[in-house]
Amino acid sequence: MHLFFVLLYMDKYFKKFIINKDIEVPPDLFDKVMLGIERKKNSQALRRRFVLALISFLPFLFITFPVWRNFQINIIQSGFSEYLALLFYDFKIVLANWQDFGLSLLESLPVISMAATLAVLLGLSLTLKFVIRYGRELFKPSILLNN
């Protein structure tokens, strides 16, 4: 709807200021001008999306290391690493009592800390995907040359 009014206004504007009838306007000038405006709009929208993705990526990047460290501390405190080491040191005992060993292993797993770590890693990977996608589109040579 907005584009229609712009086209209508520009058409009237060009007709009003034609003083010299000998100068011919190329027939595709209007289309080229509108295409340039559309490219500029798309480029600005792409820049906004890239900046928003980058701003969203940075907090996930900064919070990843403390959350990962917290997960490591919780694994050590819960005894999960000791139960897991038992699997490699005394496999015959683990094989004989595999049901109890499996339950002990699951009970000692720090689930909340693991869920938080996985959520942060998911957010980090999704925002990184968008940063890469929009960065590739934004820094294409054709986009850089047209601006």
Protein backbone atom coordinates (compact mmCIF):
# COMPACT_ATOMS: atom_id res chain seq x y z
CA MET A 1 0.00 0.00 0.00
CA HIS A 2 2.79 2.41 0.97
CA LEU A 3 4.77 1.60 -2.16
CA PHE A 4 1.75 2.46 -4.31
CA PHE A 5 1.56 5.98 -2.83
CA VAL A 6 5.30 6.44 -3.29
CA LEU A 7 5.00 5.42 -6.93
CA LEU A 8 2.03 7.73 -7.45
CA TYR A 9 3.78 10.66 -5.79
CA MET A 10 7.02 10.14 -7.70
CA ASP A 11 5.15 9.92 -11.00
CA LYS A 12 3.41 13.25 -10.34
CA TYR A 13 6.67 14.77 -9.10
CA PHE A 14 8.58 13.83 -12.24
CA LYS A 15 5.80 15.16 -14.52
CA LYS A 16 5.64 18.48 -12.67
CA PHE A 17 9.31 19.33 -13.13
CA ILE A 18 9.83 18.38 -16.75
CA ILE A 19 10.81 21.75 -18.16
CA ASN A 20 12.83 20.81 -21.18
CA LYS A 21 10.88 18.50 -23.42
CA ASP A 22 13.98 17.69 -25.48
CA ILE A 23 15.63 15.77 -22.64
CA GLU A 24 14.39 12.25 -22.62
CA VAL A 25 14.25 10.29 -19.44
CA PRO A 26 15.30 6.68 -19.89
CA PRO A 27 12.22 4.48 -19.72
CA ASP A 28 13.67 2.25 -16.98
CA LEU A 29 14.92 5.08 -14.73
CA PHE A 30 11.96 4.89 -12.39
CA ASP A 31 12.37 1.12 -12.01
CA LYS A 32 16.09 1.52 -11.29
CA VAL A 33 15.41 4.16 -8.64
CA MET A 34 12.77 2.00 -6.97
CA LEU A 35 15.07 -1.03 -7.10
CA GLY A 36 17.83 0.99 -5.45
CA ILE A 37 15.47 2.12 -2.70
CA GLU A 38 14.34 -1.47 -2.13
CA ARG A 39 17.94 -2.70 -1.97
CA LYS A 40 18.80 -0.02 0.57
CA LYS A 41 15.79 -0.98 2.70
CA ASN A 42 16.74 -4.66 2.59
CA SER A 43 20.33 -3.82 3.45
CA GLN A 44 19.27 -1.78 6.48
CA ALA A 45 16.94 -4.54 7.67
CA LEU A 46 19.75 -7.06 7.30
CA ARG A 47 22.08 -4.84 9.32
CA ARG A 48 19.48 -4.57 12.08
CA ARG A 49 19.01 -8.34 12.18
CA PHE A 50 22.78 -8.89 12.28
CA VAL A 51 23.26 -6.44 15.15
CA LEU A 52 20.35 -7.96 17.07
CA ALA A 53 21.75 -11.48 16.60
CA LEU A 54 25.20 -10.30 17.70
CA ILE A 55 23.78 -8.57 20.76
CA SER A 56 21.87 -11.76 21.61
CA PHE A 57 24.98 -13.90 21.10
CA LEU A 58 27.25 -12.01 23.50
CA PRO A 59 25.34 -12.72 26.75
CA PHE A 60 25.17 -16.42 25.89
CA LEU A 61 28.90 -16.38 25.23
CA PHE A 62 29.67 -14.71 28.55
CA ILE A 63 27.38 -16.96 30.59
CA THR A 64 28.58 -20.21 29.01
CA PHE A 65 31.81 -20.47 30.98
CA PRO A 66 30.36 -19.93 34.49
CA VAL A 67 27.50 -22.34 33.80
CA TRP A 68 29.92 -24.96 32.46
CA ARG A 69 32.17 -24.51 35.51
CA ASN A 70 29.15 -24.89 37.78
CA PHE A 71 28.22 -28.11 35.99
CA GLN A 72 31.73 -29.48 36.48
CA ILE A 73 31.68 -28.62 40.18
CA ASN A 74 28.27 -30.28 40.60
CA ILE A 75 29.50 -33.47 38.90
CA ILE A 76 32.48 -33.61 41.23
CA GLN A 77 30.38 -32.91 44.34
CA SER A 78 27.67 -35.41 43.49
CA GLY A 79 30.08 -38.33 43.08
CA PHE A 80 29.03 -39.01 39.50
CA SER A 81 32.64 -39.05 38.32
CA GLU A 82 33.53 -41.65 40.97
CA TYR A 83 30.68 -43.92 39.91
CA LEU A 84 31.69 -43.49 36.30
CA ALA A 85 35.32 -44.31 37.13
CA LEU A 86 34.14 -47.50 38.82
CA LEU A 87 32.84 -48.63 35.43
CA PHE A 88 36.40 -48.63 34.05
CA TYR A 89 38.25 -49.90 37.15
CA ASP A 90 36.07 -52.80 38.25
CA PHE A 91 33.93 -53.86 35.32
CA LYS A 92 33.15 -57.35 36.73
CA ILE A 93 31.46 -55.92 39.82
CA VAL A 94 29.57 -53.41 37.70
CA LEU A 95 28.46 -56.19 35.36
CA ALA A 96 27.25 -58.31 38.28
CA ASN A 97 25.25 -55.42 39.77
CA TRP A 98 24.43 -53.49 36.62
CA GLN A 99 20.89 -52.52 37.67
CA ASP A 100 21.96 -51.02 41.00
CA PHE A 101 24.95 -49.41 39.34
CA GLY A 102 22.75 -47.83 36.65
CA LEU A 103 20.34 -46.44 39.24
CA SER A 104 23.20 -45.08 41.36
CA LEU A 105 24.70 -43.47 38.31
CA LEU A 106 21.39 -41.82 37.38
CA GLU A 107 20.70 -40.68 40.94
CA SER A 108 24.08 -39.01 41.25
CA LEU A 109 23.70 -37.11 37.97
CA PRO A 110 23.22 -33.33 38.55
CA VAL A 111 20.13 -32.95 36.36
CA ILE A 112 19.31 -29.27 37.00
CA SER A 113 22.86 -28.19 36.37
CA MET A 114 22.97 -30.33 33.21
CA ALA A 115 19.69 -28.85 31.97
CA ALA A 116 20.99 -25.31 32.55
CA THR A 117 24.21 -26.10 30.70
CA LEU A 118 22.34 -27.63 27.77
CA ALA A 119 19.95 -24.67 27.61
CA VAL A 120 22.83 -22.20 27.49
CA LEU A 121 24.65 -24.25 24.85
CA LEU A 122 21.45 -24.44 22.79
CA GLY A 123 20.99 -20.67 23.01
CA LEU A 124 24.65 -20.11 22.13
CA SER A 125 24.48 -22.35 19.08
CA LEU A 126 21.20 -20.85 17.82
CA THR A 127 22.40 -17.27 18.15
CA LEU A 128 25.72 -18.22 16.54
CA LYS A 129 23.78 -19.71 13.63
CA PHE A 130 21.94 -16.43 13.10
CA VAL A 131 25.11 -14.35 13.46
CA ILE A 132 26.82 -16.46 10.80
CA ARG A 133 23.79 -16.45 8.48
CA TYR A 134 23.22 -12.70 8.65
CA GLY A 135 26.95 -11.99 8.57
CA ARG A 136 27.36 -13.96 5.36
CA GLU A 137 24.45 -12.13 3.75
CA LEU A 138 25.60 -8.75 5.01
CA PHE A 139 29.23 -9.07 4.00
CA LYS A 140 28.67 -10.49 0.52
CA PRO A 141 30.61 -8.55 -2.08
CA SER A 142 27.40 -7.67 -3.96
CA ILE A 143 25.87 -6.11 -0.84
CA LEU A 144 29.06 -4.19 -0.07
CA LEU A 145 29.37 -2.82 -3.59
CA ASN A 146 25.75 -1.69 -3.85
CA ASN A 147 25.89 0.41 -0.69
